[in-house]
Amino acid sequence: MAWSEICGDCLGNIADKLTTISDYLSLRMVCKDWALNLPKLPHHHVAIPPLLMLLEHQLQKPAGSQDKNCCHFINIVLDERKHSMNLPEAFPPHRVVGSSHGCLIVVSLTGEIFCLNPISKERIDLPRLSDFPDVEQFSNHEGYYRISNQYGYPQNLSLTQMRDWYVKKIILSSSPINGADYIALAVIQSGTQLAYCNKGDTQWNFIHLNFIPSAHRSTEDAVYYNGILSALSNGLYGEELTICDLSGPEPTTKASDFGRCETNTVYFSDNVSKEAENIDSPPIWFTPHPWNKHVKYQN
């Protein structure tokens, strides 16, 4: 019997015994018939380790390179091997602005914003760049957007500037691929504005809270966990950590002004201890600053 003749329940039983996503994908690539008979992603639970995407390396490939649309990933947990994947959505005219819950969040030169599963290639569209509330006018044909900037004045941006500068980062509350409800949160205008959309929304909405960044205060980083947004902002009077609840009908501030935090020394984690039943935000760890003798942490 040839390999290609193994199919049906027998092939499914083999796939069910695999425990890692890399082994499952390798099984699908044995032959064309197996790829057609097995779903792109396994139905049973398999271990999917975090992968480090080598974005800078791929953008510096020489012109004419045969693998110009090939992304490289490193499994930093298991074997540190480099894995290659054809992913044209990660290259110009697109830009990756986030990685959340197994999806890449991509912005295109034409203003599209979408979540992409890099393995199954399933795509979920989010509201476009033109759907942010500070966009007053836009024209893809003429190649410009007019926005109301952080000082309240109109500002014209080219299509490239809008793609590369306007959106700093987008994160997700959960994976949109499985059809569940989710919230997408965008850090825009160099971190001076935060906006969000729910599943099915056609517009982005500003988050109006008393801590929200302004022309003199910008968001350096943010993470979303269990309805709670944790954001690190940087301003004239130092850095501050703010925690707010986005799970209700209107966002509300839960805590803010955690004192001055040093920039580039804060790491977010969503590994919550099961012993603490009342924890509703991820642990936030502060590493010691090079010239700060004290180690600070906040749970």
C-alpha atoms as a PDB file:
ATOM      1  CA  MET A   1       0.000   0.000   0.000  1.00  0.00           C
ATOM      2  CA  ALA A   2       1.314   3.444  -0.944  1.00  0.00           C
ATOM      3  CA  TRP A   3       1.433   6.291   1.591  1.00  0.00           C
ATOM      4  CA  SER A   4      -1.170   8.205  -0.398  1.00  0.00           C
ATOM      5  CA  GLU A   5      -3.641   5.314  -0.021  1.00  0.00           C
ATOM      6  CA  ILE A   6      -3.803   5.717   3.762  1.00  0.00           C
ATOM      7  CA  CYS A   7      -6.837   7.884   4.400  1.00  0.00           C
ATOM      8  CA  GLY A   8     -10.090   8.139   6.312  1.00  0.00           C
ATOM      9  CA  ASP A   9     -10.222   6.923   9.907  1.00  0.00           C
ATOM     10  CA  CYS A  10      -6.738   5.426   9.763  1.00  0.00           C
ATOM     11  CA  LEU A  11      -5.143   8.745   8.821  1.00  0.00           C
ATOM     12  CA  GLY A  12      -7.297  10.541  11.386  1.00  0.00           C
ATOM     13  CA  ASN A  13      -6.163   8.166  14.139  1.00  0.00           C
ATOM     14  CA  ILE A  14      -2.531   8.866  13.259  1.00  0.00           C
ATOM     15  CA  ALA A  15      -3.148  12.623  13.375  1.00  0.00           C
ATOM     16  CA  ASP A  16      -4.934  12.370  16.750  1.00  0.00           C
ATOM     17  CA  LYS A  17      -1.821  10.864  18.347  1.00  0.00           C
ATOM     18  CA  LEU A  18       0.369  13.850  17.447  1.00  0.00           C
ATOM     19  CA  THR A  19       1.039  16.299  20.277  1.00  0.00           C
ATOM     20  CA  THR A  20       2.736  19.257  18.555  1.00  0.00           C
ATOM     21  CA  ILE A  21       1.587  21.535  15.764  1.00  0.00           C
ATOM     22  CA  SER A  22       4.881  21.092  13.887  1.00  0.00           C
ATOM     23  CA  ASP A  23       4.374  17.309  13.714  1.00  0.00           C
ATOM     24  CA  TYR A  24       0.797  17.788  12.524  1.00  0.00           C
ATOM     25  CA  LEU A  25       1.836  20.191   9.761  1.00  0.00           C
ATOM     26  CA  SER A  26       4.615  17.803   8.726  1.00  0.00           C
ATOM     27  CA  LEU A  27       2.045  15.012   8.473  1.00  0.00           C
ATOM     28  CA  ARG A  28      -0.111  17.097   6.112  1.00  0.00           C
ATOM     29  CA  MET A  29       2.914  17.747   3.889  1.00  0.00           C
ATOM     30  CA  VAL A  30       3.744  14.062   3.326  1.00  0.00           C
ATOM     31  CA  CYS A  31       1.649  14.004   0.155  1.00  0.00           C
ATOM     32  CA  LYS A  32      -1.125  15.892  -1.610  1.00  0.00           C
ATOM     33  CA  ASP A  33      -3.822  13.368  -0.650  1.00  0.00           C
ATOM     34  CA  TRP A  34      -3.020  13.695   3.056  1.00  0.00           C
ATOM     35  CA  ALA A  35      -3.123  17.487   2.805  1.00  0.00           C
ATOM     36  CA  LEU A  36      -6.593  17.253   1.241  1.00  0.00           C
ATOM     37  CA  ASN A  37      -7.910  14.727   3.786  1.00  0.00           C
ATOM     38  CA  LEU A  38      -6.643  16.466   6.923  1.00  0.00           C
ATOM     39  CA  PRO A  39      -7.930  19.884   8.056  1.00  0.00           C
ATOM     40  CA  LYS A  40      -5.466  22.770   8.035  1.00  0.00           C
ATOM     41  CA  LEU A  41      -5.535  22.830  11.832  1.00  0.00           C
ATOM     42  CA  PRO A  42      -6.096  19.799  14.106  1.00  0.00           C
ATOM     43  CA  HIS A  43      -9.413  19.346  15.886  1.00  0.00           C
ATOM     44  CA  HIS A  44      -7.736  17.928  18.994  1.00  0.00           C
ATOM     45  CA  HIS A  45      -5.520  19.860  21.394  1.00  0.00           C
ATOM     46  CA  VAL A  46      -1.861  20.080  20.415  1.00  0.00           C
ATOM     47  CA  ALA A  47       0.970  22.052  21.961  1.00  0.00           C
ATOM     48  CA  ILE A  48       1.658  25.272  20.047  1.00  0.00           C
ATOM     49  CA  PRO A  49       4.818  26.893  21.413  1.00  0.00           C
ATOM     50  CA  PRO A  50       5.427  30.623  20.981  1.00  0.00           C
ATOM     51  CA  LEU A  51       7.327  31.546  17.841  1.00  0.00           C
ATOM     52  CA  LEU A  52       9.625  34.522  17.374  1.00  0.00           C
ATOM     53  CA  MET A  53       9.023  36.211  14.014  1.00  0.00           C
ATOM     54  CA  LEU A  54      12.198  37.604  12.432  1.00  0.00           C
ATOM     55  CA  LEU A  55      10.656  40.701  10.923  1.00  0.00           C
ATOM     56  CA  GLU A  56      13.772  42.830  10.456  1.00  0.00           C
ATOM     57  CA  HIS A  57      15.666  40.008   8.799  1.00  0.00           C
ATOM     58  CA  GLN A  58      12.960  39.409   6.193  1.00  0.00           C
ATOM     59  CA  LEU A  59      12.675  43.089   5.250  1.00  0.00           C
ATOM     60  CA  GLN A  60      16.383  43.266   4.391  1.00  0.00           C
ATOM     61  CA  LYS A  61      16.350  40.535   1.766  1.00  0.00           C
ATOM     62  CA  PRO A  62      18.105  41.416  -1.490  1.00  0.00           C
ATOM     63  CA  ALA A  63      16.029  42.345  -4.513  1.00  0.00           C
ATOM     64  CA  GLY A  64      15.177  39.335  -6.653  1.00  0.00           C
ATOM     65  CA  SER A  65      15.430  36.901  -3.751  1.00  0.00           C
ATOM     66  CA  GLN A  66      13.445  33.741  -4.484  1.00  0.00           C
ATOM     67  CA  ASP A  67      12.047  33.632  -0.947  1.00  0.00           C
ATOM     68  CA  LYS A  68      11.131  37.323  -0.786  1.00  0.00           C
ATOM     69  CA  ASN A  69       7.702  36.463   0.666  1.00  0.00           C
ATOM     70  CA  CYS A  70       9.068  33.896   3.110  1.00  0.00           C
ATOM     71  CA  CYS A  71       8.919  34.679   6.836  1.00  0.00           C
ATOM     72  CA  HIS A  72      11.237  33.041   9.323  1.00  0.00           C
ATOM     73  CA  PHE A  73      10.145  31.964  12.790  1.00  0.00           C
ATOM     74  CA  ILE A  74      12.227  30.605  15.659  1.00  0.00           C
ATOM     75  CA  ASN A  75      10.833  28.220  18.250  1.00  0.00           C
ATOM     76  CA  ILE A  76      12.528  29.672  21.327  1.00  0.00           C
ATOM     77  CA  VAL A  77      10.998  27.116  23.711  1.00  0.00           C
ATOM     78  CA  LEU A  78      11.693  23.711  22.198  1.00  0.00           C
ATOM     79  CA  ASP A  79      14.586  23.530  19.773  1.00  0.00           C
ATOM     80  CA  GLU A  80      15.427  27.074  18.558  1.00  0.00           C
ATOM     81  CA  ARG A  81      15.135  25.841  14.980  1.00  0.00           C
ATOM     82  CA  LYS A  82      14.257  28.315  12.249  1.00  0.00           C
ATOM     83  CA  HIS A  83      10.996  27.619  10.447  1.00  0.00           C
ATOM     84  CA  SER A  84      10.057  29.195   7.128  1.00  0.00           C
ATOM     85  CA  MET A  85       6.568  30.109   5.985  1.00  0.00           C
ATOM     86  CA  ASN A  86       5.286  31.792   2.831  1.00  0.00           C
ATOM     87  CA  LEU A  87       3.537  34.894   4.146  1.00  0.00           C
ATOM     88  CA  PRO A  88       3.255  37.739   1.605  1.00  0.00           C
ATOM     89  CA  GLU A  89       0.901  39.604   3.967  1.00  0.00           C
ATOM     90  CA  ALA A  90       3.884  40.395   6.215  1.00  0.00           C
ATOM     91  CA  PHE A  91       5.737  42.301   3.492  1.00  0.00           C
ATOM     92  CA  PRO A  92       5.207  45.654   1.759  1.00  0.00           C
ATOM     93  CA  PRO A  93       2.719  46.955   0.772  1.00  0.00           C
ATOM     94  CA  HIS A  94       1.547  45.519   4.112  1.00  0.00           C
ATOM     95  CA  ARG A  95       2.832  46.172   7.626  1.00  0.00           C
ATOM     96  CA  VAL A  96       2.465  43.963  10.709  1.00  0.00           C
ATOM     97  CA  VAL A  97       1.301  46.109  13.655  1.00  0.00           C
ATOM     98  CA  GLY A  98       0.658  43.427  16.240  1.00  0.00           C
ATOM     99  CA  SER A  99       0.663  39.771  17.217  1.00  0.00           C
ATOM    100  CA  SER A 100      -2.092  38.608  19.557  1.00  0.00           C
ATOM    101  CA  HIS A 101      -3.732  35.262  20.363  1.00  0.00           C
ATOM    102  CA  GLY A 102      -2.006  33.473  17.491  1.00  0.00           C
ATOM    103  CA  CYS A 103      -2.929  36.113  14.903  1.00  0.00           C
ATOM    104  CA  LEU A 104      -0.914  38.726  13.097  1.00  0.00           C
ATOM    105  CA  ILE A 105      -2.634  42.106  12.795  1.00  0.00           C
ATOM    106  CA  VAL A 106      -1.816  43.659   9.434  1.00  0.00           C
ATOM    107  CA  VAL A 107      -2.351  47.115   7.915  1.00  0.00           C
ATOM    108  CA  SER A 108      -2.248  47.500   4.116  1.00  0.00           C
ATOM    109  CA  LEU A 109      -1.302  50.497   2.010  1.00  0.00           C
ATOM    110  CA  THR A 110      -4.912  50.683   0.802  1.00  0.00           C
ATOM    111  CA  GLY A 111      -6.184  51.106   4.365  1.00  0.00           C
ATOM    112  CA  GLU A 112      -7.348  47.589   5.162  1.00  0.00           C
ATOM    113  CA  ILE A 113      -6.788  46.258   8.689  1.00  0.00           C
ATOM    114  CA  PHE A 114      -7.147  42.521   9.259  1.00  0.00           C
ATOM    115  CA  CYS A 115      -6.234  39.655  11.571  1.00  0.00           C
ATOM    116  CA  LEU A 116      -4.421  36.762   9.927  1.00  0.00           C
ATOM    117  CA  ASN A 117      -3.792  33.250  11.186  1.00  0.00           C
ATOM    118  CA  PRO A 118      -0.337  32.603   9.649  1.00  0.00           C
ATOM    119  CA  ILE A 119      -0.855  28.830   9.651  1.00  0.00           C
ATOM    120  CA  SER A 120      -4.388  28.417   8.285  1.00  0.00           C
ATOM    121  CA  LYS A 121      -4.273  31.790   6.409  1.00  0.00           C
ATOM    122  CA  GLU A 122      -7.781  32.531   7.712  1.00  0.00           C
ATOM    123  CA  ARG A 123      -8.464  36.257   7.715  1.00  0.00           C
ATOM    124  CA  ILE A 124     -10.812  38.423   9.786  1.00  0.00           C
ATOM    125  CA  ASP A 125     -11.314  42.023   8.672  1.00  0.00           C
ATOM    126  CA  LEU A 126     -11.376  44.895  11.163  1.00  0.00           C
ATOM    127  CA  PRO A 127     -12.654  48.430  10.446  1.00  0.00           C
ATOM    128  CA  ARG A 128     -10.380  50.265   8.012  1.00  0.00           C
ATOM    129  CA  LEU A 129      -7.954  53.133   8.616  1.00  0.00           C
ATOM    130  CA  SER A 130     -10.594  55.516   7.280  1.00  0.00           C
ATOM    131  CA  ASP A 131     -12.985  54.325  10.016  1.00  0.00           C
ATOM    132  CA  PHE A 132     -11.051  55.902  12.908  1.00  0.00           C
ATOM    133  CA  PRO A 133     -12.979  58.840  14.422  1.00  0.00           C
ATOM    134  CA  ASP A 134     -10.181  61.378  13.858  1.00  0.00           C
ATOM    135  CA  VAL A 135     -10.081  60.761  10.080  1.00  0.00           C
ATOM    136  CA  GLU A 136     -11.904  63.718   8.548  1.00  0.00           C
ATOM    137  CA  GLN A 137     -11.313  62.941   4.869  1.00  0.00           C
ATOM    138  CA  PHE A 138      -9.430  60.414   2.765  1.00  0.00           C
ATOM    139  CA  SER A 139      -8.806  59.469  -0.844  1.00  0.00           C
ATOM    140  CA  ASN A 140      -6.935  56.343  -1.916  1.00  0.00           C
ATOM    141  CA  HIS A 141      -6.990  57.654  -5.478  1.00  0.00           C
ATOM    142  CA  GLU A 142      -5.325  60.955  -4.569  1.00  0.00           C
ATOM    143  CA  GLY A 143      -3.211  59.257  -1.917  1.00  0.00           C
ATOM    144  CA  TYR A 144      -3.904  61.139   1.294  1.00  0.00           C
ATOM    145  CA  TYR A 145      -5.765  61.123   4.613  1.00  0.00           C
ATOM    146  CA  ARG A 146      -6.760  64.211   6.556  1.00  0.00           C
ATOM    147  CA  ILE A 147      -6.834  63.626  10.301  1.00  0.00           C
ATOM    148  CA  SER A 148      -7.354  65.784  13.363  1.00  0.00           C
ATOM    149  CA  ASN A 149      -3.992  65.477  15.125  1.00  0.00           C
ATOM    150  CA  GLN A 150      -3.261  65.351  18.855  1.00  0.00           C
ATOM    151  CA  TYR A 151      -3.309  69.156  19.029  1.00  0.00           C
ATOM    152  CA  GLY A 152      -6.743  69.368  17.392  1.00  0.00           C
ATOM    153  CA  TYR A 153      -5.440  70.711  14.074  1.00  0.00           C
ATOM    154  CA  PRO A 154      -6.009  69.097  10.653  1.00  0.00           C
ATOM    155  CA  GLN A 155      -3.038  67.206   9.256  1.00  0.00           C
ATOM    156  CA  ASN A 156      -2.573  65.514   5.885  1.00  0.00           C
ATOM    157  CA  LEU A 157      -0.840  62.140   5.765  1.00  0.00           C
ATOM    158  CA  SER A 158       0.149  60.114   2.709  1.00  0.00           C
ATOM    159  CA  LEU A 159      -0.943  56.491   2.332  1.00  0.00           C
ATOM    160  CA  THR A 160       2.531  55.366   3.386  1.00  0.00           C
ATOM    161  CA  GLN A 161       2.580  57.648   6.434  1.00  0.00           C
ATOM    162  CA  MET A 162      -0.844  56.419   7.454  1.00  0.00           C
ATOM    163  CA  ARG A 163       0.267  52.796   7.253  1.00  0.00           C
ATOM    164  CA  ASP A 164       3.689  53.247   8.856  1.00  0.00           C
ATOM    165  CA  TRP A 165       3.139  56.011  11.425  1.00  0.00           C
ATOM    166  CA  TYR A 166      -0.533  56.335  12.336  1.00  0.00           C
ATOM    167  CA  VAL A 167      -1.052  52.882  13.887  1.00  0.00           C
ATOM    168  CA  LYS A 168       1.512  52.072  16.562  1.00  0.00           C
ATOM    169  CA  LYS A 169       0.081  48.769  17.775  1.00  0.00           C
ATOM    170  CA  ILE A 170      -3.134  46.701  17.771  1.00  0.00           C
ATOM    171  CA  ILE A 171      -3.944  44.016  20.354  1.00  0.00           C
ATOM    172  CA  LEU A 172      -6.870  41.600  20.741  1.00  0.00           C
ATOM    173  CA  SER A 173      -8.870  40.435  23.753  1.00  0.00           C
ATOM    174  CA  SER A 174      -9.228  36.928  22.277  1.00  0.00           C
ATOM    175  CA  SER A 175      -8.784  35.101  19.008  1.00  0.00           C
ATOM    176  CA  PRO A 176     -11.272  36.249  16.337  1.00  0.00           C
ATOM    177  CA  ILE A 177     -10.684  33.131  14.249  1.00  0.00           C
ATOM    178  CA  ASN A 178     -12.961  30.801  16.254  1.00  0.00           C
ATOM    179  CA  GLY A 179     -15.998  33.064  15.899  1.00  0.00           C
ATOM    180  CA  ALA A 180     -16.060  34.179  19.549  1.00  0.00           C
ATOM    181  CA  ASP A 181     -16.611  37.766  20.630  1.00  0.00           C
ATOM    182  CA  TYR A 182     -13.498  39.916  20.813  1.00  0.00           C
ATOM    183  CA  ILE A 183     -12.288  43.476  21.277  1.00  0.00           C
ATOM    184  CA  ALA A 184      -9.510  44.989  19.160  1.00  0.00           C
ATOM    185  CA  LEU A 185      -7.622  47.872  20.741  1.00  0.00           C
ATOM    186  CA  ALA A 186      -5.458  50.226  18.680  1.00  0.00           C
ATOM    187  CA  VAL A 187      -2.708  52.563  19.870  1.00  0.00           C
ATOM    188  CA  ILE A 188      -2.717  55.354  17.268  1.00  0.00           C
ATOM    189  CA  GLN A 189      -1.211  58.762  16.506  1.00  0.00           C
ATOM    190  CA  SER A 190       2.186  57.881  18.031  1.00  0.00           C
ATOM    191  CA  GLY A 191       0.433  56.634  21.148  1.00  0.00           C
ATOM    192  CA  THR A 192      -1.511  59.824  21.854  1.00  0.00           C
ATOM    193  CA  GLN A 193      -4.899  58.161  21.240  1.00  0.00           C
ATOM    194  CA  LEU A 194      -6.463  54.795  22.048  1.00  0.00           C
ATOM    195  CA  ALA A 195      -9.368  53.356  20.060  1.00  0.00           C
ATOM    196  CA  TYR A 196     -11.270  50.077  20.115  1.00  0.00           C
ATOM    197  CA  CYS A 197     -13.851  48.086  18.193  1.00  0.00           C
ATOM    198  CA  ASN A 198     -15.978  45.076  19.069  1.00  0.00           C
ATOM    199  CA  LYS A 199     -16.698  42.111  16.843  1.00  0.00           C
ATOM    200  CA  GLY A 200     -18.916  43.222  13.966  1.00  0.00           C
ATOM    201  CA  ASP A 201     -18.300  46.956  14.426  1.00  0.00           C
ATOM    202  CA  THR A 202     -17.803  49.028  11.294  1.00  0.00           C
ATOM    203  CA  GLN A 203     -16.162  51.951  13.107  1.00  0.00           C
ATOM    204  CA  TRP A 204     -13.375  52.450  15.628  1.00  0.00           C
ATOM    205  CA  ASN A 205     -14.288  54.318  18.824  1.00  0.00           C
ATOM    206  CA  PHE A 206     -12.064  56.454  21.030  1.00  0.00           C
ATOM    207  CA  ILE A 207     -11.620  55.396  24.652  1.00  0.00           C
ATOM    208  CA  HIS A 208     -12.566  58.444  26.706  1.00  0.00           C
ATOM    209  CA  LEU A 209     -10.974  58.061  30.129  1.00  0.00           C
ATOM    210  CA  ASN A 210      -9.280  60.519  32.437  1.00  0.00           C
ATOM    211  CA  PHE A 211      -5.883  58.907  31.909  1.00  0.00           C
ATOM    212  CA  ILE A 212      -6.020  58.718  28.140  1.00  0.00           C
ATOM    213  CA  PRO A 213      -2.869  60.001  26.426  1.00  0.00           C
ATOM    214  CA  SER A 214      -2.827  63.498  25.003  1.00  0.00           C
ATOM    215  CA  ALA A 215      -0.404  65.668  23.087  1.00  0.00           C
ATOM    216  CA  HIS A 216       1.850  65.606  26.172  1.00  0.00           C
ATOM    217  CA  ARG A 217       1.342  61.947  27.081  1.00  0.00           C
ATOM    218  CA  SER A 218       1.682  58.845  24.922  1.00  0.00           C
ATOM    219  CA  THR A 219       1.097  55.134  25.376  1.00  0.00           C
ATOM    220  CA  GLU A 220       4.325  53.124  25.225  1.00  0.00           C
ATOM    221  CA  ASP A 221       2.709  49.683  25.431  1.00  0.00           C
ATOM    222  CA  ALA A 222      -0.552  47.977  26.337  1.00  0.00           C
ATOM    223  CA  VAL A 223      -1.862  44.496  27.061  1.00  0.00           C
ATOM    224  CA  TYR A 224      -5.424  43.177  27.344  1.00  0.00           C
ATOM    225  CA  TYR A 225      -6.476  40.342  29.646  1.00  0.00           C
ATOM    226  CA  ASN A 226      -9.878  39.201  30.930  1.00  0.00           C
ATOM    227  CA  GLY A 227     -11.608  42.499  30.202  1.00  0.00           C
ATOM    228  CA  ILE A 228      -8.798  44.549  31.721  1.00  0.00           C
ATOM    229  CA  LEU A 229      -6.537  46.890  29.774  1.00  0.00           C
ATOM    230  CA  SER A 230      -3.118  47.663  31.259  1.00  0.00           C
ATOM    231  CA  ALA A 231      -1.361  50.567  29.576  1.00  0.00           C
ATOM    232  CA  LEU A 232       2.005  52.191  30.214  1.00  0.00           C
ATOM    233  CA  SER A 233       2.043  55.873  29.284  1.00  0.00           C
ATOM    234  CA  ASN A 234       4.948  58.293  29.081  1.00  0.00           C
ATOM    235  CA  GLY A 235       4.573  62.034  29.645  1.00  0.00           C
ATOM    236  CA  LEU A 236       6.088  65.243  30.941  1.00  0.00           C
ATOM    237  CA  TYR A 237       6.044  64.009  34.528  1.00  0.00           C
ATOM    238  CA  GLY A 238       7.391  60.528  33.933  1.00  0.00           C
ATOM    239  CA  GLU A 239       5.823  57.185  33.132  1.00  0.00           C
ATOM    240  CA  GLU A 240       2.557  55.914  34.593  1.00  0.00           C
ATOM    241  CA  LEU A 241       0.748  52.600  34.603  1.00  0.00           C
ATOM    242  CA  THR A 242      -3.022  52.607  34.204  1.00  0.00           C
ATOM    243  CA  ILE A 243      -5.472  49.722  34.501  1.00  0.00           C
ATOM    244  CA  CYS A 244      -9.015  50.095  33.163  1.00  0.00           C
ATOM    245  CA  ASP A 245     -12.022  47.848  32.607  1.00  0.00           C
ATOM    246  CA  LEU A 246     -13.286  47.504  29.033  1.00  0.00           C
ATOM    247  CA  SER A 247     -15.704  44.639  29.684  1.00  0.00           C
ATOM    248  CA  GLY A 248     -18.715  46.862  30.470  1.00  0.00           C
ATOM    249  CA  PRO A 249     -20.811  48.981  28.105  1.00  0.00           C
ATOM    250  CA  GLU A 250     -18.492  51.947  28.744  1.00  0.00           C
ATOM    251  CA  PRO A 251     -14.770  51.742  29.625  1.00  0.00           C
ATOM    252  CA  THR A 252     -13.993  52.691  33.226  1.00  0.00           C
ATOM    253  CA  THR A 253     -10.720  53.366  35.021  1.00  0.00           C
ATOM    254  CA  LYS A 254      -9.931  50.835  37.766  1.00  0.00           C
ATOM    255  CA  ALA A 255      -6.590  52.270  38.859  1.00  0.00           C
ATOM    256  CA  SER A 256      -3.984  54.717  37.643  1.00  0.00           C
ATOM    257  CA  ASP A 257      -0.904  56.698  38.625  1.00  0.00           C
ATOM    258  CA  PHE A 258       1.275  53.877  39.884  1.00  0.00           C
ATOM    259  CA  GLY A 259       4.119  56.303  40.295  1.00  0.00           C
ATOM    260  CA  ARG A 260       6.964  56.837  37.911  1.00  0.00           C
ATOM    261  CA  CYS A 261       7.955  53.772  35.922  1.00  0.00           C
ATOM    262  CA  GLU A 262      11.152  53.710  33.911  1.00  0.00           C
ATOM    263  CA  THR A 263      10.681  53.407  30.155  1.00  0.00           C
ATOM    264  CA  ASN A 264      11.764  50.110  28.538  1.00  0.00           C
ATOM    265  CA  THR A 265      11.844  48.273  31.872  1.00  0.00           C
ATOM    266  CA  VAL A 266       8.269  46.976  32.026  1.00  0.00           C
ATOM    267  CA  TYR A 267       7.215  43.541  30.818  1.00  0.00           C
ATOM    268  CA  PHE A 268       3.644  42.292  30.643  1.00  0.00           C
ATOM    269  CA  SER A 269       2.594  38.704  31.288  1.00  0.00           C
ATOM    270  CA  ASP A 270      -0.782  36.977  31.147  1.00  0.00           C
ATOM    271  CA  ASN A 271       0.296  34.026  33.312  1.00  0.00           C
ATOM    272  CA  VAL A 272      -2.049  34.539  36.259  1.00  0.00           C
ATOM    273  CA  SER A 273      -1.661  32.452  39.409  1.00  0.00           C
ATOM    274  CA  LYS A 274      -4.634  30.138  39.912  1.00  0.00           C
ATOM    275  CA  GLU A 275      -4.325  30.573  43.676  1.00  0.00           C
ATOM    276  CA  ALA A 276      -5.396  34.222  43.489  1.00  0.00           C
ATOM    277  CA  GLU A 277      -9.086  33.947  42.653  1.00  0.00           C
ATOM    278  CA  ASN A 278      -9.733  37.685  42.724  1.00  0.00           C
ATOM    279  CA  ILE A 279      -7.042  38.701  40.251  1.00  0.00           C
ATOM    280  CA  ASP A 280      -8.654  40.403  37.271  1.00  0.00           C
ATOM    281  CA  SER A 281      -5.540  41.716  35.524  1.00  0.00           C
ATOM    282  CA  PRO A 282      -2.266  40.082  34.472  1.00  0.00           C
ATOM    283  CA  PRO A 283       0.829  40.241  36.668  1.00  0.00           C
ATOM    284  CA  ILE A 284       3.031  43.140  35.647  1.00  0.00           C
ATOM    285  CA  TRP A 285       6.729  42.783  36.326  1.00  0.00           C
ATOM    286  CA  PHE A 286       9.178  45.651  36.535  1.00  0.00           C
ATOM    287  CA  THR A 287      12.828  44.872  35.919  1.00  0.00           C
ATOM    288  CA  PRO A 288      15.482  46.984  37.652  1.00  0.00           C
ATOM    289  CA  HIS A 289      16.596  50.020  35.709  1.00  0.00           C
ATOM    290  CA  PRO A 290      20.384  50.170  35.000  1.00  0.00           C
ATOM    291  CA  TRP A 291      20.777  53.104  37.395  1.00  0.00           C
ATOM    292  CA  ASN A 292      18.035  52.129  39.832  1.00  0.00           C
ATOM    293  CA  LYS A 293      19.175  49.935  42.718  1.00  0.00           C
ATOM    294  CA  HIS A 294      15.655  48.905  43.677  1.00  0.00           C
ATOM    295  CA  VAL A 295      13.596  46.139  42.114  1.00  0.00           C
ATOM    296  CA  LYS A 296       9.942  47.095  41.747  1.00  0.00           C
ATOM    297  CA  TYR A 297       6.984  44.890  40.957  1.00  0.00           C
ATOM    298  CA  GLN A 298       3.229  45.210  40.879  1.00  0.00           C
ATOM    299  CA  ASN A 299       0.759  42.318  40.895  1.00  0.00           C
END
